[in-house]
C-alpha cells in the first residue's frame, strides 16, 4: 500500500512540476500554453489540435487584436508577416501582449 501511495504522490509532484514549468515558461498559468519546442514550425490549426483548443475561438481572439492569421501557415511565417514572433502570437491569445499596429 505504501508503494501505491508513493506512486500517487509522484503523480502529484509531476503535475506540480508541469504547472511550475508552464509558469516559468510564460510567467503565468497561461490558458494557451507555449509549445516546449518548435512553436514556429506549427500552424495555428496544428497547435490547436495538438493542445485541444478551439481553432475558431483562437482566430476570434487574434482577430479582435488585429491579427488575421492563415490557420494553415506556419506560425513563424505568419508572425514574421505581422511583425512579431510566434511567442508574441501566444501572448496575444493569453491577453498579455499587444495587438497589431495600424
N, C-alpha and C. Protein backbone atom coordinates (compact mmCIF):
# COMPACT_ATOMS: atom_id res chain seq x y z
N UNK A 1 0.82 -1.20 0.00
CA UNK A 1 0.00 0.00 0.00
C UNK A 1 0.86 1.26 0.00
N UNK A 2 1.98 1.20 0.70
CA UNK A 2 2.86 2.35 0.73
C UNK A 2 3.38 2.67 -0.67
N UNK A 3 3.68 1.65 -1.49
CA UNK A 3 4.13 1.88 -2.86
C UNK A 3 3.06 2.58 -3.68
N UNK A 4 1.80 2.21 -3.48
CA UNK A 4 0.71 2.85 -4.19
C UNK A 4 0.62 4.32 -3.80
N UNK A 5 0.73 4.61 -2.50
CA UNK A 5 0.68 5.99 -2.05
C UNK A 5 1.85 6.79 -2.61
N UNK A 6 3.01 6.19 -2.63
CA UNK A 6 4.17 6.88 -3.18
C UNK A 6 3.95 7.16 -4.66
N UNK A 7 3.36 6.21 -5.36
CA UNK A 7 3.07 6.40 -6.78
C UNK A 7 2.11 7.57 -6.97
N UNK A 8 1.08 7.64 -6.15
CA UNK A 8 0.14 8.77 -6.24
C UNK A 8 0.85 10.08 -5.94
N UNK A 9 1.72 10.08 -4.94
CA UNK A 9 2.46 11.29 -4.61
C UNK A 9 3.38 11.69 -5.76
N UNK A 10 4.00 10.71 -6.39
CA UNK A 10 4.87 11.02 -7.52
C UNK A 10 4.06 11.64 -8.66
N UNK A 11 2.84 11.15 -8.88
CA UNK A 11 1.99 11.74 -9.91
C UNK A 11 1.64 13.19 -9.58
N UNK A 12 1.35 13.46 -8.32
CA UNK A 12 1.04 14.83 -7.91
C UNK A 12 2.24 15.73 -8.09
N UNK A 13 3.43 15.23 -7.78
CA UNK A 13 4.64 16.01 -7.96
C UNK A 13 4.83 16.32 -9.44
N UNK A 14 4.57 15.33 -10.30
CA UNK A 14 4.71 15.54 -11.74
C UNK A 14 3.73 16.61 -12.22
N UNK A 15 2.50 16.60 -11.71
CA UNK A 15 1.53 17.63 -12.09
C UNK A 15 1.99 19.01 -11.62
N UNK A 16 2.50 19.08 -10.40
CA UNK A 16 3.02 20.34 -9.89
C UNK A 16 4.20 20.82 -10.72
N UNK A 17 5.05 19.88 -11.13
CA UNK A 17 6.21 20.23 -11.95
C UNK A 17 5.75 20.78 -13.30
N UNK A 18 4.75 20.16 -13.90
CA UNK A 18 4.22 20.65 -15.18
C UNK A 18 3.68 22.07 -15.05
N UNK A 19 2.93 22.31 -13.98
CA UNK A 19 2.38 23.65 -13.75
C UNK A 19 3.50 24.65 -13.51
N UNK A 20 4.51 24.26 -12.74
CA UNK A 20 5.64 25.15 -12.47
C UNK A 20 6.40 25.46 -13.75
N UNK A 21 6.57 24.46 -14.61
CA UNK A 21 7.27 24.67 -15.88
C UNK A 21 6.47 25.63 -16.76
N UNK A 22 5.14 25.51 -16.76
CA UNK A 22 4.30 26.40 -17.56
C UNK A 22 4.38 27.82 -17.03
N UNK A 23 4.39 27.98 -15.71
CA UNK A 23 4.50 29.31 -15.12
C UNK A 23 5.86 29.91 -15.44
N UNK A 24 6.92 29.10 -15.35
CA UNK A 24 8.26 29.60 -15.63
C UNK A 24 8.38 30.00 -17.11
N UNK A 25 7.81 29.21 -18.00
CA UNK A 25 7.92 29.49 -19.44
C UNK A 25 7.13 30.72 -19.85
N UNK A 26 5.99 30.95 -19.21
CA UNK A 26 5.11 32.04 -19.65
C UNK A 26 4.97 33.16 -18.64
N UNK A 27 5.39 32.94 -17.40
CA UNK A 27 5.21 33.95 -16.37
C UNK A 27 3.86 33.86 -15.68
N UNK A 28 3.01 32.94 -16.14
CA UNK A 28 1.69 32.76 -15.53
C UNK A 28 1.15 31.40 -15.95
N UNK A 29 0.04 31.04 -15.38
CA UNK A 29 -0.63 29.82 -15.82
C UNK A 29 -1.48 30.20 -17.02
N UNK A 30 -0.85 30.43 -18.13
CA UNK A 30 -1.50 30.89 -19.34
C UNK A 30 -2.47 29.85 -19.86
N UNK A 31 -3.57 30.32 -20.37
CA UNK A 31 -4.58 29.42 -20.93
C UNK A 31 -4.06 28.70 -22.17
N UNK A 32 -3.42 29.44 -23.06
CA UNK A 32 -2.85 28.86 -24.27
C UNK A 32 -1.37 28.65 -24.00
N UNK A 33 -1.01 27.39 -23.79
CA UNK A 33 0.36 27.12 -23.38
C UNK A 33 1.36 27.20 -24.51
N UNK A 34 2.57 27.51 -24.12
CA UNK A 34 3.67 27.63 -25.06
C UNK A 34 4.19 26.23 -25.36
N UNK A 35 4.34 25.93 -26.61
CA UNK A 35 4.93 24.67 -27.03
C UNK A 35 6.38 24.67 -26.55
N UNK A 36 6.83 23.54 -26.02
CA UNK A 36 8.17 23.50 -25.47
C UNK A 36 9.25 23.57 -26.54
N UNK A 37 8.93 23.25 -27.76
CA UNK A 37 9.92 23.37 -28.83
C UNK A 37 9.21 23.49 -30.17
N UNK A 38 9.88 24.10 -31.10
CA UNK A 38 9.43 24.21 -32.49
C UNK A 38 8.05 24.85 -32.65
N UNK A 39 7.74 25.82 -31.84
CA UNK A 39 6.46 26.51 -31.94
C UNK A 39 6.29 27.14 -33.32
N UNK A 40 7.35 27.72 -33.84
CA UNK A 40 7.27 28.38 -35.13
C UNK A 40 7.00 27.46 -36.29
N UNK A 41 7.27 26.17 -36.12
CA UNK A 41 7.03 25.21 -37.20
C UNK A 41 5.59 24.72 -37.23
N UNK A 42 4.86 24.96 -36.15
CA UNK A 42 3.45 24.55 -36.11
C UNK A 42 2.59 25.55 -36.86
N UNK A 43 1.45 25.11 -37.35
CA UNK A 43 0.44 26.02 -37.86
C UNK A 43 -0.53 26.31 -36.72
N UNK A 44 -1.33 27.33 -36.85
CA UNK A 44 -2.32 27.62 -35.83
C UNK A 44 -3.27 26.43 -35.68
N UNK A 45 -3.63 25.83 -36.82
CA UNK A 45 -4.54 24.68 -36.79
C UNK A 45 -3.90 23.49 -36.08
N UNK A 46 -2.62 23.22 -36.36
CA UNK A 46 -1.97 22.07 -35.72
C UNK A 46 -1.72 22.33 -34.25
N UNK A 47 -1.43 23.58 -33.89
CA UNK A 47 -1.26 23.93 -32.48
C UNK A 47 -2.57 23.70 -31.73
N UNK A 48 -3.68 24.17 -32.30
CA UNK A 48 -4.99 23.99 -31.67
C UNK A 48 -5.30 22.50 -31.51
N UNK A 49 -5.04 21.73 -32.55
CA UNK A 49 -5.32 20.29 -32.49
C UNK A 49 -4.43 19.60 -31.47
N UNK A 50 -3.15 19.94 -31.44
CA UNK A 50 -2.20 19.30 -30.54
C UNK A 50 -2.55 19.53 -29.08
N UNK A 51 -3.04 20.73 -28.75
CA UNK A 51 -3.33 21.07 -27.36
C UNK A 51 -4.82 21.04 -27.02
N UNK A 52 -5.66 20.71 -27.99
CA UNK A 52 -7.09 20.58 -27.73
C UNK A 52 -7.84 21.90 -27.60
N UNK A 53 -7.38 22.93 -28.32
CA UNK A 53 -8.04 24.22 -28.28
C UNK A 53 -9.04 24.37 -29.43
N UNK A 54 -9.96 25.29 -29.28
CA UNK A 54 -10.95 25.59 -30.30
C UNK A 54 -10.34 26.59 -31.29
N UNK A 55 -10.07 26.14 -32.50
CA UNK A 55 -9.42 26.98 -33.51
C UNK A 55 -10.23 28.24 -33.79
N UNK A 56 -11.53 28.12 -33.91
CA UNK A 56 -12.37 29.29 -34.20
C UNK A 56 -12.28 30.33 -33.08
N UNK A 57 -12.23 29.88 -31.84
CA UNK A 57 -12.09 30.80 -30.71
C UNK A 57 -10.74 31.51 -30.76
N UNK A 58 -9.70 30.75 -31.08
CA UNK A 58 -8.36 31.35 -31.18
C UNK A 58 -8.33 32.41 -32.28
N UNK A 59 -8.93 32.09 -33.42
CA UNK A 59 -8.96 33.04 -34.53
C UNK A 59 -9.74 34.30 -34.14
N UNK A 60 -10.82 34.14 -33.39
CA UNK A 60 -11.62 35.29 -32.94
C UNK A 60 -10.81 36.19 -32.00
N UNK A 61 -10.05 35.58 -31.09
CA UNK A 61 -9.22 36.35 -30.16
C UNK A 61 -8.17 37.14 -30.94
N UNK A 62 -7.52 36.46 -31.88
CA UNK A 62 -6.49 37.11 -32.68
C UNK A 62 -7.08 38.22 -33.56
N UNK A 63 -8.23 37.97 -34.15
CA UNK A 63 -8.88 38.98 -35.00
C UNK A 63 -9.24 40.21 -34.18
N UNK A 64 -9.71 40.01 -32.95
CA UNK A 64 -10.06 41.14 -32.09
C UNK A 64 -8.84 41.99 -31.76
N UNK A 65 -7.66 41.37 -31.79
CA UNK A 65 -6.42 42.10 -31.53
C UNK A 65 -5.80 42.65 -32.82
N UNK A 66 -6.47 42.42 -33.95
CA UNK A 66 -5.98 42.95 -35.22
C UNK A 66 -5.09 42.00 -36.00
N UNK A 67 -5.04 40.74 -35.60
CA UNK A 67 -4.24 39.74 -36.30
C UNK A 67 -5.14 38.83 -37.12
N UNK A 68 -4.90 38.76 -38.41
CA UNK A 68 -5.61 37.82 -39.28
C UNK A 68 -4.58 36.78 -39.72
N UNK A 69 -4.69 35.57 -39.19
CA UNK A 69 -3.74 34.51 -39.49
C UNK A 69 -4.35 33.45 -40.37
N UNK A 70 -3.56 32.95 -41.29
CA UNK A 70 -3.94 31.78 -42.07
C UNK A 70 -3.70 30.58 -41.17
N UNK A 71 -4.74 29.83 -40.82
CA UNK A 71 -4.57 28.73 -39.87
C UNK A 71 -3.70 27.59 -40.40
N UNK A 72 -3.42 27.58 -41.70
CA UNK A 72 -2.61 26.52 -42.27
C UNK A 72 -1.19 26.96 -42.61
N UNK A 73 -0.84 28.18 -42.27
CA UNK A 73 0.53 28.68 -42.48
C UNK A 73 1.31 28.50 -41.17
N UNK A 74 2.63 28.31 -41.29
CA UNK A 74 3.46 28.15 -40.09
C UNK A 74 3.40 29.42 -39.25
N UNK A 75 3.35 29.24 -37.93
CA UNK A 75 3.29 30.38 -37.02
C UNK A 75 4.49 31.31 -37.22
N UNK A 76 5.65 30.76 -37.52
CA UNK A 76 6.84 31.59 -37.74
C UNK A 76 6.61 32.53 -38.93
N UNK A 77 6.06 31.99 -40.01
CA UNK A 77 5.83 32.81 -41.20
C UNK A 77 4.76 33.87 -40.96
N UNK A 78 3.69 33.49 -40.31
CA UNK A 78 2.62 34.45 -40.03
C UNK A 78 3.09 35.52 -39.06
N UNK A 79 3.85 35.11 -38.04
CA UNK A 79 4.35 36.07 -37.07
C UNK A 79 5.29 37.07 -37.74
N UNK A 80 6.17 36.56 -38.59
CA UNK A 80 7.09 37.44 -39.31
C UNK A 80 6.32 38.44 -40.18
N UNK A 81 5.30 37.95 -40.86
CA UNK A 81 4.48 38.82 -41.70
C UNK A 81 3.80 39.91 -40.88
N UNK A 82 3.47 39.58 -39.64
CA UNK A 82 2.75 40.51 -38.77
C UNK A 82 3.68 41.34 -37.88
N UNK A 83 4.99 41.14 -38.03
CA UNK A 83 5.94 41.93 -37.25
C UNK A 83 6.11 41.50 -35.82
N UNK A 84 5.95 40.23 -35.55
CA UNK A 84 6.13 39.70 -34.20
C UNK A 84 6.86 38.36 -34.30
N UNK A 85 6.78 37.57 -33.26
CA UNK A 85 7.33 36.22 -33.29
C UNK A 85 6.24 35.26 -32.81
N UNK A 86 6.46 33.95 -32.94
CA UNK A 86 5.41 33.00 -32.52
C UNK A 86 4.98 33.18 -31.06
N UNK A 87 5.92 33.49 -30.19
CA UNK A 87 5.57 33.70 -28.78
C UNK A 87 4.67 34.93 -28.63
N UNK A 88 4.88 35.92 -29.49
CA UNK A 88 4.03 37.11 -29.47
C UNK A 88 2.58 36.78 -29.80
N UNK A 89 2.40 35.82 -30.69
CA UNK A 89 1.04 35.37 -31.02
C UNK A 89 0.39 34.73 -29.80
N UNK A 90 1.15 33.92 -29.07
CA UNK A 90 0.60 33.30 -27.85
C UNK A 90 0.32 34.35 -26.79
N UNK A 91 1.16 35.38 -26.71
CA UNK A 91 0.89 36.45 -25.75
C UNK A 91 -0.43 37.14 -26.06
N UNK A 92 -0.71 37.35 -27.33
CA UNK A 92 -1.99 37.95 -27.71
C UNK A 92 -3.14 37.02 -27.32
N UNK A 93 -2.97 35.74 -27.58
CA UNK A 93 -4.03 34.77 -27.23
C UNK A 93 -4.29 34.76 -25.73
N UNK A 94 -3.23 34.95 -24.94
CA UNK A 94 -3.36 34.93 -23.48
C UNK A 94 -3.67 36.29 -22.89
N UNK A 95 -3.81 37.29 -23.76
CA UNK A 95 -4.14 38.62 -23.26
C UNK A 95 -2.99 39.33 -22.59
N UNK A 96 -1.75 38.87 -22.84
CA UNK A 96 -0.59 39.50 -22.21
C UNK A 96 0.24 40.30 -23.20
N UNK A 97 -0.15 40.30 -24.47
CA UNK A 97 0.60 41.03 -25.49
C UNK A 97 -0.30 42.06 -26.15
N UNK A 98 0.34 42.91 -26.92
CA UNK A 98 -0.42 43.95 -27.63
C UNK A 98 -1.05 43.41 -28.89
N UNK A 99 -1.77 44.26 -29.55
CA UNK A 99 -2.39 43.90 -30.81
C UNK A 99 -1.56 44.39 -31.98
N UNK A 100 -2.05 44.12 -33.14
CA UNK A 100 -1.36 44.56 -34.36
C UNK A 100 -1.50 46.07 -34.49
N UNK A 101 -0.45 46.68 -35.00
CA UNK A 101 -0.49 48.13 -35.21
C UNK A 101 -1.03 48.44 -36.58
N UNK A 102 -1.60 49.61 -36.67
CA UNK A 102 -2.04 50.09 -37.99
C UNK A 102 -3.45 49.80 -38.21
